Amino acid sequence: AIGGHWGMSGELGKMAVDNKIEAYNLPQGVI
């Protein structure tokens, strides 16, 4: 997942934090 604001999808954030997916957090405007 490549995203800016992760806060509205708790399960997606959990997958990232739990190292289950590759995950990037980039500035929302940049995205």
mmCIF file of all heavy atoms, coordinates in Angstrom:
data_MODEL
# 
_entry.id   MODEL 
# 
loop_
_atom_site.group_PDB 
_atom_site.id 
_atom_site.type_symbol 
_atom_site.label_atom_id 
_atom_site.label_alt_id 
_atom_site.label_comp_id 
_atom_site.label_asym_id 
_atom_site.label_entity_id 
_atom_site.label_seq_id 
_atom_site.pdbx_PDB_ins_code 
_atom_site.Cartn_x 
_atom_site.Cartn_y 
_atom_site.Cartn_z 
_atom_site.occupancy 
_atom_site.B_iso_or_equiv 
_atom_site.pdbx_formal_charge 
_atom_site.auth_seq_id 
_atom_site.auth_comp_id 
_atom_site.auth_asym_id 
_atom_site.auth_atom_id 
_atom_site.pdbx_PDB_model_num 
ATOM 1   N N   . ALA A 1 1  ? 0.863   -1.184  0.000  1.00 0.00 ? 1  ALA A N   1 
ATOM 2   C CA  . ALA A 1 1  ? 0.000   0.000   0.000  1.00 0.00 ? 1  ALA A CA  1 
ATOM 3   C C   . ALA A 1 1  ? 0.896   1.229   0.000  1.00 0.00 ? 1  ALA A C   1 
ATOM 4   O O   . ALA A 1 1  ? 1.890   1.289   0.724  1.00 0.00 ? 1  ALA A O   1 
ATOM 5   C CB  . ALA A 1 1  ? -0.929  0.008   1.210  1.00 0.00 ? 1  ALA A CB  1 
ATOM 6   N N   . ILE A 1 2  ? 0.521   2.188   -0.844 1.00 0.00 ? 2  ILE A N   1 
ATOM 7   C CA  . ILE A 1 2  ? 1.245   3.459   -0.939 1.00 0.00 ? 2  ILE A CA  1 
ATOM 8   C C   . ILE A 1 2  ? 0.208   4.537   -0.701 1.00 0.00 ? 2  ILE A C   1 
ATOM 9   O O   . ILE A 1 2  ? -0.704  4.712   -1.511 1.00 0.00 ? 2  ILE A O   1 
ATOM 10  C CB  . ILE A 1 2  ? 1.877   3.635   -2.334 1.00 0.00 ? 2  ILE A CB  1 
ATOM 11  C CG1 . ILE A 1 2  ? 2.775   2.455   -2.680 1.00 0.00 ? 2  ILE A CG1 1 
ATOM 12  C CG2 . ILE A 1 2  ? 2.639   4.961   -2.407 1.00 0.00 ? 2  ILE A CG2 1 
ATOM 13  C CD1 . ILE A 1 2  ? 3.149   2.383   -4.157 1.00 0.00 ? 2  ILE A CD1 1 
ATOM 14  N N   . GLY A 1 3  ? 0.316   5.214   0.432  1.00 0.00 ? 3  GLY A N   1 
ATOM 15  C CA  . GLY A 1 3  ? -0.733  6.161   0.752  1.00 0.00 ? 3  GLY A CA  1 
ATOM 16  C C   . GLY A 1 3  ? -0.283  7.358   1.557  1.00 0.00 ? 3  GLY A C   1 
ATOM 17  O O   . GLY A 1 3  ? 0.849   7.415   2.045  1.00 0.00 ? 3  GLY A O   1 
ATOM 18  N N   . GLY A 1 4  ? -1.204  8.285   1.668  1.00 0.00 ? 4  GLY A N   1 
ATOM 19  C CA  . GLY A 1 4  ? -0.963  9.515   2.405  1.00 0.00 ? 4  GLY A CA  1 
ATOM 20  C C   . GLY A 1 4  ? -1.534  9.460   3.811  1.00 0.00 ? 4  GLY A C   1 
ATOM 21  O O   . GLY A 1 4  ? -0.812  9.355   4.784  1.00 0.00 ? 4  GLY A O   1 
ATOM 22  N N   . HIS A 1 5  ? -2.847  9.478   3.935  1.00 0.00 ? 5  HIS A N   1 
ATOM 23  C CA  . HIS A 1 5  ? -3.515  9.460   5.232  1.00 0.00 ? 5  HIS A CA  1 
ATOM 24  C C   . HIS A 1 5  ? -4.083  8.061   5.442  1.00 0.00 ? 5  HIS A C   1 
ATOM 25  O O   . HIS A 1 5  ? -4.945  7.615   4.699  1.00 0.00 ? 5  HIS A O   1 
ATOM 26  C CB  . HIS A 1 5  ? -4.633  10.505  5.243  1.00 0.00 ? 5  HIS A CB  1 
ATOM 27  C CG  . HIS A 1 5  ? -5.315  10.619  6.563  1.00 0.00 ? 5  HIS A CG  1 
ATOM 28  N ND1 . HIS A 1 5  ? -6.065  9.601   7.097  1.00 0.00 ? 5  HIS A ND1 1 
ATOM 29  C CD2 . HIS A 1 5  ? -5.373  11.632  7.450  1.00 0.00 ? 5  HIS A CD2 1 
ATOM 30  C CE1 . HIS A 1 5  ? -6.556  9.982   8.264  1.00 0.00 ? 5  HIS A CE1 1 
ATOM 31  N NE2 . HIS A 1 5  ? -6.150  11.208  8.493  1.00 0.00 ? 5  HIS A NE2 1 
ATOM 32  N N   . TRP A 1 6  ? -3.605  7.380   6.470  1.00 0.00 ? 6  TRP A N   1 
ATOM 33  C CA  . TRP A 1 6  ? -3.968  5.991   6.728  1.00 0.00 ? 6  TRP A CA  1 
ATOM 34  C C   . TRP A 1 6  ? -5.055  5.853   7.789  1.00 0.00 ? 6  TRP A C   1 
ATOM 35  O O   . TRP A 1 6  ? -5.542  4.762   8.048  1.00 0.00 ? 6  TRP A O   1 
ATOM 36  C CB  . TRP A 1 6  ? -2.740  5.218   7.210  1.00 0.00 ? 6  TRP A CB  1 
ATOM 37  C CG  . TRP A 1 6  ? -1.725  4.946   6.162  1.00 0.00 ? 6  TRP A CG  1 
ATOM 38  C CD1 . TRP A 1 6  ? -0.925  5.845   5.522  1.00 0.00 ? 6  TRP A CD1 1 
ATOM 39  C CD2 . TRP A 1 6  ? -1.390  3.678   5.624  1.00 0.00 ? 6  TRP A CD2 1 
ATOM 40  N NE1 . TRP A 1 6  ? -0.113  5.213   4.624  1.00 0.00 ? 6  TRP A NE1 1 
ATOM 41  C CE2 . TRP A 1 6  ? -0.372  3.880   4.673  1.00 0.00 ? 6  TRP A CE2 1 
ATOM 42  C CE3 . TRP A 1 6  ? -1.832  2.391   5.860  1.00 0.00 ? 6  TRP A CE3 1 
ATOM 43  C CZ2 . TRP A 1 6  ? 0.194   2.835   3.954  1.00 0.00 ? 6  TRP A CZ2 1 
ATOM 44  C CZ3 . TRP A 1 6  ? -1.267  1.352   5.155  1.00 0.00 ? 6  TRP A CZ3 1 
ATOM 45  C CH2 . TRP A 1 6  ? -0.257  1.572   4.204  1.00 0.00 ? 6  TRP A CH2 1 
ATOM 46  N N   . GLY A 1 7  ? -5.470  6.934   8.421  1.00 0.00 ? 7  GLY A N   1 
ATOM 47  C CA  . GLY A 1 7  ? -6.267  6.875   9.641  1.00 0.00 ? 7  GLY A CA  1 
ATOM 48  C C   . GLY A 1 7  ? -7.662  6.313   9.536  1.00 0.00 ? 7  GLY A C   1 
ATOM 49  O O   . GLY A 1 7  ? -8.215  5.865   10.532 1.00 0.00 ? 7  GLY A O   1 
ATOM 50  N N   . MET A 1 8  ? -8.277  6.297   8.357  1.00 0.00 ? 8  MET A N   1 
ATOM 51  C CA  . MET A 1 8  ? -9.674  5.858   8.255  1.00 0.00 ? 8  MET A CA  1 
ATOM 52  C C   . MET A 1 8  ? -9.826  4.356   8.042  1.00 0.00 ? 8  MET A C   1 
ATOM 53  O O   . MET A 1 8  ? -10.926 3.839   8.094  1.00 0.00 ? 8  MET A O   1 
ATOM 54  C CB  . MET A 1 8  ? -10.386 6.625   7.141  1.00 0.00 ? 8  MET A CB  1 
ATOM 55  C CG  . MET A 1 8  ? -10.433 8.130   7.361  1.00 0.00 ? 8  MET A CG  1 
ATOM 56  S SD  . MET A 1 8  ? -11.134 8.605   8.945  1.00 0.00 ? 8  MET A SD  1 
ATOM 57  C CE  . MET A 1 8  ? -12.840 8.198   8.674  1.00 0.00 ? 8  MET A CE  1 
ATOM 58  N N   . SER A 1 9  ? -8.750  3.658   7.789  1.00 0.00 ? 9  SER A N   1 
ATOM 59  C CA  . SER A 1 9  ? -8.806  2.213   7.580  1.00 0.00 ? 9  SER A CA  1 
ATOM 60  C C   . SER A 1 9  ? -7.905  1.528   8.601  1.00 0.00 ? 9  SER A C   1 
ATOM 61  O O   . SER A 1 9  ? -6.716  1.311   8.366  1.00 0.00 ? 9  SER A O   1 
ATOM 62  C CB  . SER A 1 9  ? -8.363  1.859   6.160  1.00 0.00 ? 9  SER A CB  1 
ATOM 63  O OG  . SER A 1 9  ? -8.395  0.456   5.982  1.00 0.00 ? 9  SER A OG  1 
ATOM 64  N N   . GLY A 1 10 ? -8.501  1.176   9.722  1.00 0.00 ? 10 GLY A N   1 
ATOM 65  C CA  . GLY A 1 10 ? -7.731  0.570   10.807 1.00 0.00 ? 10 GLY A CA  1 
ATOM 66  C C   . GLY A 1 10 ? -7.087  -0.749  10.440 1.00 0.00 ? 10 GLY A C   1 
ATOM 67  O O   . GLY A 1 10 ? -5.941  -1.022  10.819 1.00 0.00 ? 10 GLY A O   1 
ATOM 68  N N   . GLU A 1 11 ? -7.794  -1.592  9.696  1.00 0.00 ? 11 GLU A N   1 
ATOM 69  C CA  . GLU A 1 11 ? -7.244  -2.899  9.312  1.00 0.00 ? 11 GLU A CA  1 
ATOM 70  C C   . GLU A 1 11 ? -6.061  -2.750  8.368  1.00 0.00 ? 11 GLU A C   1 
ATOM 71  O O   . GLU A 1 11 ? -5.094  -3.502  8.454  1.00 0.00 ? 11 GLU A O   1 
ATOM 72  C CB  . GLU A 1 11 ? -8.320  -3.782  8.691  1.00 0.00 ? 11 GLU A CB  1 
ATOM 73  C CG  . GLU A 1 11 ? -9.343  -4.277  9.691  1.00 0.00 ? 11 GLU A CG  1 
ATOM 74  C CD  . GLU A 1 11 ? -8.715  -5.085  10.826 1.00 0.00 ? 11 GLU A CD  1 
ATOM 75  O OE1 . GLU A 1 11 ? -7.893  -5.983  10.549 1.00 0.00 ? 11 GLU A OE1 1 
ATOM 76  O OE2 . GLU A 1 11 ? -9.036  -4.813  11.986 1.00 0.00 ? 11 GLU A OE2 1 
ATOM 77  N N   . LEU A 1 12 ? -6.130  -1.785  7.459  1.00 0.00 ? 12 LEU A N   1 
ATOM 78  C CA  . LEU A 1 12 ? -5.014  -1.556  6.538  1.00 0.00 ? 12 LEU A CA  1 
ATOM 79  C C   . LEU A 1 12 ? -3.784  -1.108  7.320  1.00 0.00 ? 12 LEU A C   1 
ATOM 80  O O   . LEU A 1 12 ? -2.678  -1.604  7.101  1.00 0.00 ? 12 LEU A O   1 
ATOM 81  C CB  . LEU A 1 12 ? -5.395  -0.522  5.477  1.00 0.00 ? 12 LEU A CB  1 
ATOM 82  C CG  . LEU A 1 12 ? -4.361  -0.251  4.397  1.00 0.00 ? 12 LEU A CG  1 
ATOM 83  C CD1 . LEU A 1 12 ? -4.073  -1.509  3.576  1.00 0.00 ? 12 LEU A CD1 1 
ATOM 84  C CD2 . LEU A 1 12 ? -4.835  0.874   3.490  1.00 0.00 ? 12 LEU A CD2 1 
ATOM 85  N N   . GLY A 1 13 ? -3.974  -0.183  8.235  1.00 0.00 ? 13 GLY A N   1 
ATOM 86  C CA  . GLY A 1 13 ? -2.866  0.265   9.073  1.00 0.00 ? 13 GLY A CA  1 
ATOM 87  C C   . GLY A 1 13 ? -2.285  -0.861  9.905  1.00 0.00 ? 13 GLY A C   1 
ATOM 88  O O   . GLY A 1 13 ? -1.067  -0.962  10.074 1.00 0.00 ? 13 GLY A O   1 
ATOM 89  N N   . LYS A 1 14 ? -3.147  -1.726  10.415 1.00 0.00 ? 14 LYS A N   1 
ATOM 90  C CA  . LYS A 1 14 ? -2.684  -2.865  11.208 1.00 0.00 ? 14 LYS A CA  1 
ATOM 91  C C   . LYS A 1 14 ? -1.842  -3.810  10.354 1.00 0.00 ? 14 LYS A C   1 
ATOM 92  O O   . LYS A 1 14 ? -0.805  -4.293  10.811 1.00 0.00 ? 14 LYS A O   1 
ATOM 93  C CB  . LYS A 1 14 ? -3.884  -3.595  11.809 1.00 0.00 ? 14 LYS A CB  1 
ATOM 94  C CG  . LYS A 1 14 ? -3.528  -4.709  12.763 1.00 0.00 ? 14 LYS A CG  1 
ATOM 95  C CD  . LYS A 1 14 ? -4.772  -5.226  13.462 1.00 0.00 ? 14 LYS A CD  1 
ATOM 96  C CE  . LYS A 1 14 ? -4.564  -6.393  14.369 1.00 0.00 ? 14 LYS A CE  1 
ATOM 97  N NZ  . LYS A 1 14 ? -3.293  -6.933  14.586 1.00 0.00 ? 14 LYS A NZ  1 
ATOM 98  N N   . MET A 1 15 ? -2.258  -4.046  9.107  1.00 0.00 ? 15 MET A N   1 
ATOM 99  C CA  . MET A 1 15 ? -1.464  -4.910  8.223  1.00 0.00 ? 15 MET A CA  1 
ATOM 100 C C   . MET A 1 15 ? -0.075  -4.316  8.000  1.00 0.00 ? 15 MET A C   1 
ATOM 101 O O   . MET A 1 15 ? 0.919   -5.039  7.951  1.00 0.00 ? 15 MET A O   1 
ATOM 102 C CB  . MET A 1 15 ? -2.163  -5.110  6.883  1.00 0.00 ? 15 MET A CB  1 
ATOM 103 C CG  . MET A 1 15 ? -3.357  -6.025  6.947  1.00 0.00 ? 15 MET A CG  1 
ATOM 104 S SD  . MET A 1 15 ? -4.096  -6.302  5.321  1.00 0.00 ? 15 MET A SD  1 
ATOM 105 C CE  . MET A 1 15 ? -3.043  -7.636  4.717  1.00 0.00 ? 15 MET A CE  1 
ATOM 106 N N   . ALA A 1 16 ? -0.011  -2.996  7.876  1.00 0.00 ? 16 ALA A N   1 
ATOM 107 C CA  . ALA A 1 16 ? 1.280   -2.331  7.670  1.00 0.00 ? 16 ALA A CA  1 
ATOM 108 C C   . ALA A 1 16 ? 2.150   -2.440  8.915  1.00 0.00 ? 16 ALA A C   1 
ATOM 109 O O   . ALA A 1 16 ? 3.317   -2.837  8.843  1.00 0.00 ? 16 ALA A O   1 
ATOM 110 C CB  . ALA A 1 16 ? 1.057   -0.869  7.295  1.00 0.00 ? 16 ALA A CB  1 
ATOM 111 N N   . VAL A 1 17 ? 1.592   -2.110  10.051 1.00 0.00 ? 17 VAL A N   1 
ATOM 112 C CA  . VAL A 1 17 ? 2.350   -2.137  11.310 1.00 0.00 ? 17 VAL A CA  1 
ATOM 113 C C   . VAL A 1 17 ? 2.775   -3.557  11.662 1.00 0.00 ? 17 VAL A C   1 
ATOM 114 O O   . VAL A 1 17 ? 3.868   -3.772  12.195 1.00 0.00 ? 17 VAL A O   1 
ATOM 115 C CB  . VAL A 1 17 ? 1.523   -1.498  12.451 1.00 0.00 ? 17 VAL A CB  1 
ATOM 116 C CG1 . VAL A 1 17 ? 2.171   -1.710  13.798 1.00 0.00 ? 17 VAL A CG1 1 
ATOM 117 C CG2 . VAL A 1 17 ? 1.346   -0.006  12.185 1.00 0.00 ? 17 VAL A CG2 1 
ATOM 118 N N   . ASP A 1 18 ? 1.936   -4.536  11.333 1.00 0.00 ? 18 ASP A N   1 
ATOM 119 C CA  . ASP A 1 18 ? 2.255   -5.941  11.617 1.00 0.00 ? 18 ASP A CA  1 
ATOM 120 C C   . ASP A 1 18 ? 3.167   -6.570  10.577 1.00 0.00 ? 18 ASP A C   1 
ATOM 121 O O   . ASP A 1 18 ? 3.407   -7.778  10.606 1.00 0.00 ? 18 ASP A O   1 
ATOM 122 C CB  . ASP A 1 18 ? 0.974   -6.772  11.736 1.00 0.00 ? 18 ASP A CB  1 
ATOM 123 C CG  . ASP A 1 18 ? 0.174   -6.443  12.986 1.00 0.00 ? 18 ASP A CG  1 
ATOM 124 O OD1 . ASP A 1 18 ? 0.707   -5.756  13.882 1.00 0.00 ? 18 ASP A OD1 1 
ATOM 125 O OD2 . ASP A 1 18 ? -0.995  -6.877  13.058 1.00 0.00 ? 18 ASP A OD2 1 
ATOM 126 N N   . ASN A 1 19 ? 3.665   -5.759  9.629  1.00 0.00 ? 19 ASN A N   1 
ATOM 127 C CA  . ASN A 1 19 ? 4.643   -6.230  8.644  1.00 0.00 ? 19 ASN A CA  1 
ATOM 128 C C   . ASN A 1 19 ? 4.063   -7.281  7.701  1.00 0.00 ? 19 ASN A C   1 
ATOM 129 O O   . ASN A 1 19 ? 4.778   -8.131  7.177  1.00 0.00 ? 19 ASN A O   1 
ATOM 130 C CB  . ASN A 1 19 ? 5.876   -6.793  9.363  1.00 0.00 ? 19 ASN A CB  1 
ATOM 131 C CG  . ASN A 1 19 ? 7.162   -6.368  8.702  1.00 0.00 ? 19 ASN A CG  1 
ATOM 132 O OD1 . ASN A 1 19 ? 7.246   -5.334  8.055  1.00 0.00 ? 19 ASN A OD1 1 
ATOM 133 N ND2 . ASN A 1 19 ? 8.184   -7.169  8.873  1.00 0.00 ? 19 ASN A ND2 1 
ATOM 134 N N   . LYS A 1 20 ? 2.746   -7.225  7.448  1.00 0.00 ? 20 LYS A N   1 
ATOM 135 C CA  . LYS A 1 20 ? 2.098   -8.203  6.564  1.00 0.00 ? 20 LYS A CA  1 
ATOM 136 C C   . LYS A 1 20 ? 2.077   -7.738  5.113  1.00 0.00 ? 20 LYS A C   1 
ATOM 137 O O   . LYS A 1 20 ? 1.864   -8.549  4.215  1.00 0.00 ? 20 LYS A O   1 
ATOM 138 C CB  . LYS A 1 20 ? 0.681   -8.488  7.050  1.00 0.00 ? 20 LYS A CB  1 
ATOM 139 C CG  . LYS A 1 20 ? 0.688   -9.210  8.383  1.00 0.00 ? 20 LYS A CG  1 
ATOM 140 C CD  . LYS A 1 20 ? -0.678  -9.616  8.809  1.00 0.00 ? 20 LYS A CD  1 
ATOM 141 C CE  . LYS A 1 20 ? -0.553  -10.391 10.116 1.00 0.00 ? 20 LYS A CE  1 
ATOM 142 N NZ  . LYS A 1 20 ? -1.816  -10.887 10.588 1.00 0.00 ? 20 LYS A NZ  1 
ATOM 143 N N   . ILE A 1 21 ? 2.281   -6.442  4.880  1.00 0.00 ? 21 ILE A N   1 
ATOM 144 C CA  . ILE A 1 21 ? 2.344   -5.885  3.533  1.00 0.00 ? 21 ILE A CA  1 
ATOM 145 C C   . ILE A 1 21 ? 3.485   -4.880  3.480  1.00 0.00 ? 21 ILE A C   1 
ATOM 146 O O   . ILE A 1 21 ? 3.908   -4.365  4.514  1.00 0.00 ? 21 ILE A O   1 
ATOM 147 C CB  . ILE A 1 21 ? 1.022   -5.177  3.121  1.00 0.00 ? 21 ILE A CB  1 
ATOM 148 C CG1 . ILE A 1 21 ? 0.706   -4.021  4.083  1.00 0.00 ? 21 ILE A CG1 1 
ATOM 149 C CG2 . ILE A 1 21 ? -0.118  -6.169  2.997  1.00 0.00 ? 21 ILE A CG2 1 
ATOM 150 C CD1 . ILE A 1 21 ? -0.465  -3.150  3.660  1.00 0.00 ? 21 ILE A CD1 1 
ATOM 151 N N   . GLU A 1 22 ? 3.991   -4.614  2.294  1.00 0.00 ? 22 GLU A N   1 
ATOM 152 C CA  . GLU A 1 22 ? 4.896   -3.488  2.109  1.00 0.00 ? 22 GLU A CA  1 
ATOM 153 C C   . GLU A 1 22 ? 4.045   -2.232  2.240  1.00 0.00 ? 22 GLU A C   1 
ATOM 154 O O   . GLU A 1 22 ? 2.913   -2.196  1.743  1.00 0.00 ? 22 GLU A O   1 
ATOM 155 C CB  . GLU A 1 22 ? 5.531   -3.533  0.732  1.00 0.00 ? 22 GLU A CB  1 
ATOM 156 C CG  . GLU A 1 22 ? 6.418   -4.728  0.489  1.00 0.00 ? 22 GLU A CG  1 
ATOM 157 C CD  . GLU A 1 22 ? 6.863   -4.805  -0.962 1.00 0.00 ? 22 GLU A CD  1 
ATOM 158 O OE1 . GLU A 1 22 ? 7.008   -3.744  -1.611 1.00 0.00 ? 22 GLU A OE1 1 
ATOM 159 O OE2 . GLU A 1 22 ? 7.041   -5.928  -1.443 1.00 0.00 ? 22 GLU A OE2 1 
ATOM 160 N N   . ALA A 1 23 ? 4.573   -1.211  2.893  1.00 0.00 ? 23 ALA A N   1 
ATOM 161 C CA  . ALA A 1 23 ? 3.745   -0.040  3.149  1.00 0.00 ? 23 ALA A CA  1 
ATOM 162 C C   . ALA A 1 23 ? 4.577   1.235   3.144  1.00 0.00 ? 23 ALA A C   1 
ATOM 163 O O   . ALA A 1 23 ? 5.643   1.294   3.755  1.00 0.00 ? 23 ALA A O   1 
ATOM 164 C CB  . ALA A 1 23 ? 3.025   -0.195  4.482  1.00 0.00 ? 23 ALA A CB  1 
ATOM 165 N N   . TYR A 1 24 ? 4.051   2.241   2.450  1.00 0.00 ? 24 TYR A N   1 
ATOM 166 C CA  . TYR A 1 24 ? 4.682   3.552   2.360  1.00 0.00 ? 24 TYR A CA  1 
ATOM 167 C C   . TYR A 1 24 ? 3.689   4.610   2.823  1.00 0.00 ? 24 TYR A C   1 
ATOM 168 O O   . TYR A 1 24 ? 2.510   4.557   2.468  1.00 0.00 ? 24 TYR A O   1 
ATOM 169 C CB  . TYR A 1 24 ? 5.067   3.883   0.912  1.00 0.00 ? 24 TYR A CB  1 
ATOM 170 C CG  . TYR A 1 24 ? 6.034   2.915   0.293  1.00 0.00 ? 24 TYR A CG  1 
ATOM 171 C CD1 . TYR A 1 24 ? 5.582   1.762   -0.325 1.00 0.00 ? 24 TYR A CD1 1 
ATOM 172 C CD2 . TYR A 1 24 ? 7.406   3.154   0.323  1.00 0.00 ? 24 TYR A CD2 1 
ATOM 173 C CE1 . TYR A 1 24 ? 6.462   0.862   -0.902 1.00 0.00 ? 24 TYR A CE1 1 
ATOM 174 C CE2 . TYR A 1 24 ? 8.292   2.263   -0.255 1.00 0.00 ? 24 TYR A CE2 1 
ATOM 175 C CZ  . TYR A 1 24 ? 7.813   1.117   -0.863 1.00 0.00 ? 24 TYR A CZ  1 
ATOM 176 O OH  . TYR A 1 24 ? 8.696   0.226   -1.440 1.00 0.00 ? 24 TYR A OH  1 
ATOM 177 N N   . ASN A 1 25 ? 4.177   5.552   3.600  1.00 0.00 ? 25 ASN A N   1 
ATOM 178 C CA  . ASN A 1 25 ? 3.385   6.706   3.990  1.00 0.00 ? 25 ASN A CA  1 
ATOM 179 C C   . ASN A 1 25 ? 4.074   7.935   3.404  1.00 0.00 ? 25 ASN A C   1 
ATOM 180 O O   . ASN A 1 25 ? 5.167   8.303   3.829  1.00 0.00 ? 25 ASN A O   1 
ATOM 181 C CB  . ASN A 1 25 ? 3.292   6.814   5.514  1.00 0.00 ? 25 ASN A CB  1 
ATOM 182 C CG  . ASN A 1 25 ? 2.355   7.903   5.959  1.00 0.00 ? 25 ASN A CG  1 
ATOM 183 O OD1 . ASN A 1 25 ? 1.512   8.366   5.203  1.00 0.00 ? 25 ASN A OD1 1 
ATOM 184 N ND2 . ASN A 1 25 ? 2.494   8.317   7.198  1.00 0.00 ? 25 ASN A ND2 1 
ATOM 185 N N   . LEU A 1 26 ? 3.435   8.526   2.400  1.00 0.00 ? 26 LEU A N   1 
ATOM 186 C CA  . LEU A 1 26 ? 3.972   9.700   1.722  1.00 0.00 ? 26 LEU A CA  1 
ATOM 187 C C   . LEU A 1 26 ? 3.024   10.872  1.944  1.00 0.00 ? 26 LEU A C   1 
ATOM 188 O O   . LEU A 1 26 ? 1.851   10.665  2.261  1.00 0.00 ? 26 LEU A O   1 
ATOM 189 C CB  . LEU A 1 26 ? 4.136   9.411   0.220  1.00 0.00 ? 26 LEU A CB  1 
ATOM 190 C CG  . LEU A 1 26 ? 5.000   8.198   -0.144 1.00 0.00 ? 26 LEU A CG  1 
ATOM 191 C CD1 . LEU A 1 26 ? 5.036   8.002   -1.650 1.00 0.00 ? 26 LEU A CD1 1 
ATOM 192 C CD2 . LEU A 1 26 ? 6.393   8.316   0.429  1.00 0.00 ? 26 LEU A CD2 1 
ATOM 193 N N   . PRO A 1 27 ? 3.487   12.098  1.783  1.00 0.00 ? 27 PRO A N   1 
ATOM 194 C CA  . PRO A 1 27 ? 2.598   13.242  1.996  1.00 0.00 ? 27 PRO A CA  1 
ATOM 195 C C   . PRO A 1 27 ? 1.355   13.168  1.100  1.00 0.00 ? 27 PRO A C   1 
ATOM 196 O O   . PRO A 1 27 ? 1.442   12.838  -0.085 1.00 0.00 ? 27 PRO A O   1 
ATOM 197 C CB  . PRO A 1 27 ? 3.467   14.445  1.634  1.00 0.00 ? 27 PRO A CB  1 
ATOM 198 C CG  . PRO A 1 27 ? 4.867   13.977  1.864  1.00 0.00 ? 27 PRO A CG  1 
ATOM 199 C CD  . PRO A 1 27 ? 4.860   12.528  1.478  1.00 0.00 ? 27 PRO A CD  1 
ATOM 200 N N   . GLN A 1 28 ? 0.220   13.475  1.694  1.00 0.00 ? 28 GLN A N   1 
ATOM 201 C CA  . GLN A 1 28 ? -1.056  13.385  0.992  1.00 0.00 ? 28 GLN A CA  1 
ATOM 202 C C   . GLN A 1 28 ? -1.063  14.207  -0.295 1.00 0.00 ? 28 GLN A C   1 
ATOM 203 O O   . GLN A 1 28 ? -1.525  13.746  -1.335 1.00 0.00 ? 28 GLN A O   1 
ATOM 204 C CB  . GLN A 1 28 ? -2.148  13.875  1.940  1.00 0.00 ? 28 GLN A CB  1 
ATOM 205 C CG  . GLN A 1 28 ? -3.516  13.453  1.594  1.00 0.00 ? 28 GLN A CG  1 
ATOM 206 C CD  . GLN A 1 28 ? -4.498  13.811  2.710  1.00 0.00 ? 28 GLN A CD  1 
ATOM 207 O OE1 . GLN A 1 28 ? -4.123  14.103  3.842  1.00 0.00 ? 28 GLN A OE1 1 
ATOM 208 N NE2 . GLN A 1 28 ? -5.753  13.787  2.371  1.00 0.00 ? 28 GLN A NE2 1 
ATOM 209 N N   . GLY A 1 29 ? -0.554  15.418  -0.248 1.00 0.00 ? 29 GLY A N   1 
ATOM 210 C CA  . GLY A 1 29 ? -0.506  16.262  -1.437 1.00 0.00 ? 29 GLY A CA  1 
ATOM 211 C C   . GLY A 1 29 ? 0.423   15.715  -2.501 1.00 0.00 ? 29 GLY A C   1 
ATOM 212 O O   . GLY A 1 29 ? 0.163   15.852  -3.701 1.00 0.00 ? 29 GLY A O   1 
ATOM 213 N N   . VAL A 1 30 ? 1.503   15.091  -2.085 1.00 0.00 ? 30 VAL A N   1 
ATOM 214 C CA  . VAL A 1 30 ? 2.430   14.466  -3.025 1.00 0.00 ? 30 VAL A CA  1 
ATOM 215 C C   . VAL A 1 30 ? 1.720   13.321  -3.749 1.00 0.00 ? 30 VAL A C   1 
ATOM 216 O O   . VAL A 1 30 ? 1.830   13.183  -4.970 1.00 0.00 ? 30 VAL A O   1 
ATOM 217 C CB  . VAL A 1 30 ? 3.708   13.970  -2.312 1.00 0.00 ? 30 VAL A CB  1 
ATOM 218 C CG1 . VAL A 1 30 ? 4.508   13.017  -3.190 1.00 0.00 ? 30 VAL A CG1 1 
ATOM 219 C CG2 . VAL A 1 30 ? 4.567   15.158  -1.893 1.00 0.00 ? 30 VAL A CG2 1 
ATOM 220 N N   . ILE A 1 31 ? 0.970   12.515  -3.006 1.00 0.00 ? 31 ILE A N   1 
ATOM 221 C CA  . ILE A 1 31 ? 0.233   11.405  -3.625 1.00 0.00 ? 31 ILE A CA  1 
ATOM 222 C C   . ILE A 1 31 ? -0.753  11.951  -4.664 1.00 0.00 ? 31 ILE A C   1 
ATOM 223 O O   . ILE A 1 31 ? -0.829  11.444  -5.790 1.00 0.00 ? 31 ILE A O   1 
ATOM 224 C CB  . ILE A 1 31 ? -0.539  10.594  -2.566 1.00 0.00 ? 31 ILE A CB  1 
ATOM 225 C CG1 . ILE A 1 31 ? 0.421   9.922   -1.601 1.00 0.00 ? 31 ILE A CG1 1 
ATOM 226 C CG2 . ILE A 1 31 ? -1.484  9.592   -3.221 1.00 0.00 ? 31 ILE A CG2 1 
ATOM 227 C CD1 . ILE A 1 31 ? 1.015   8.630   -2.062 1.00 0.00 ? 31 ILE A CD1 1 
# 
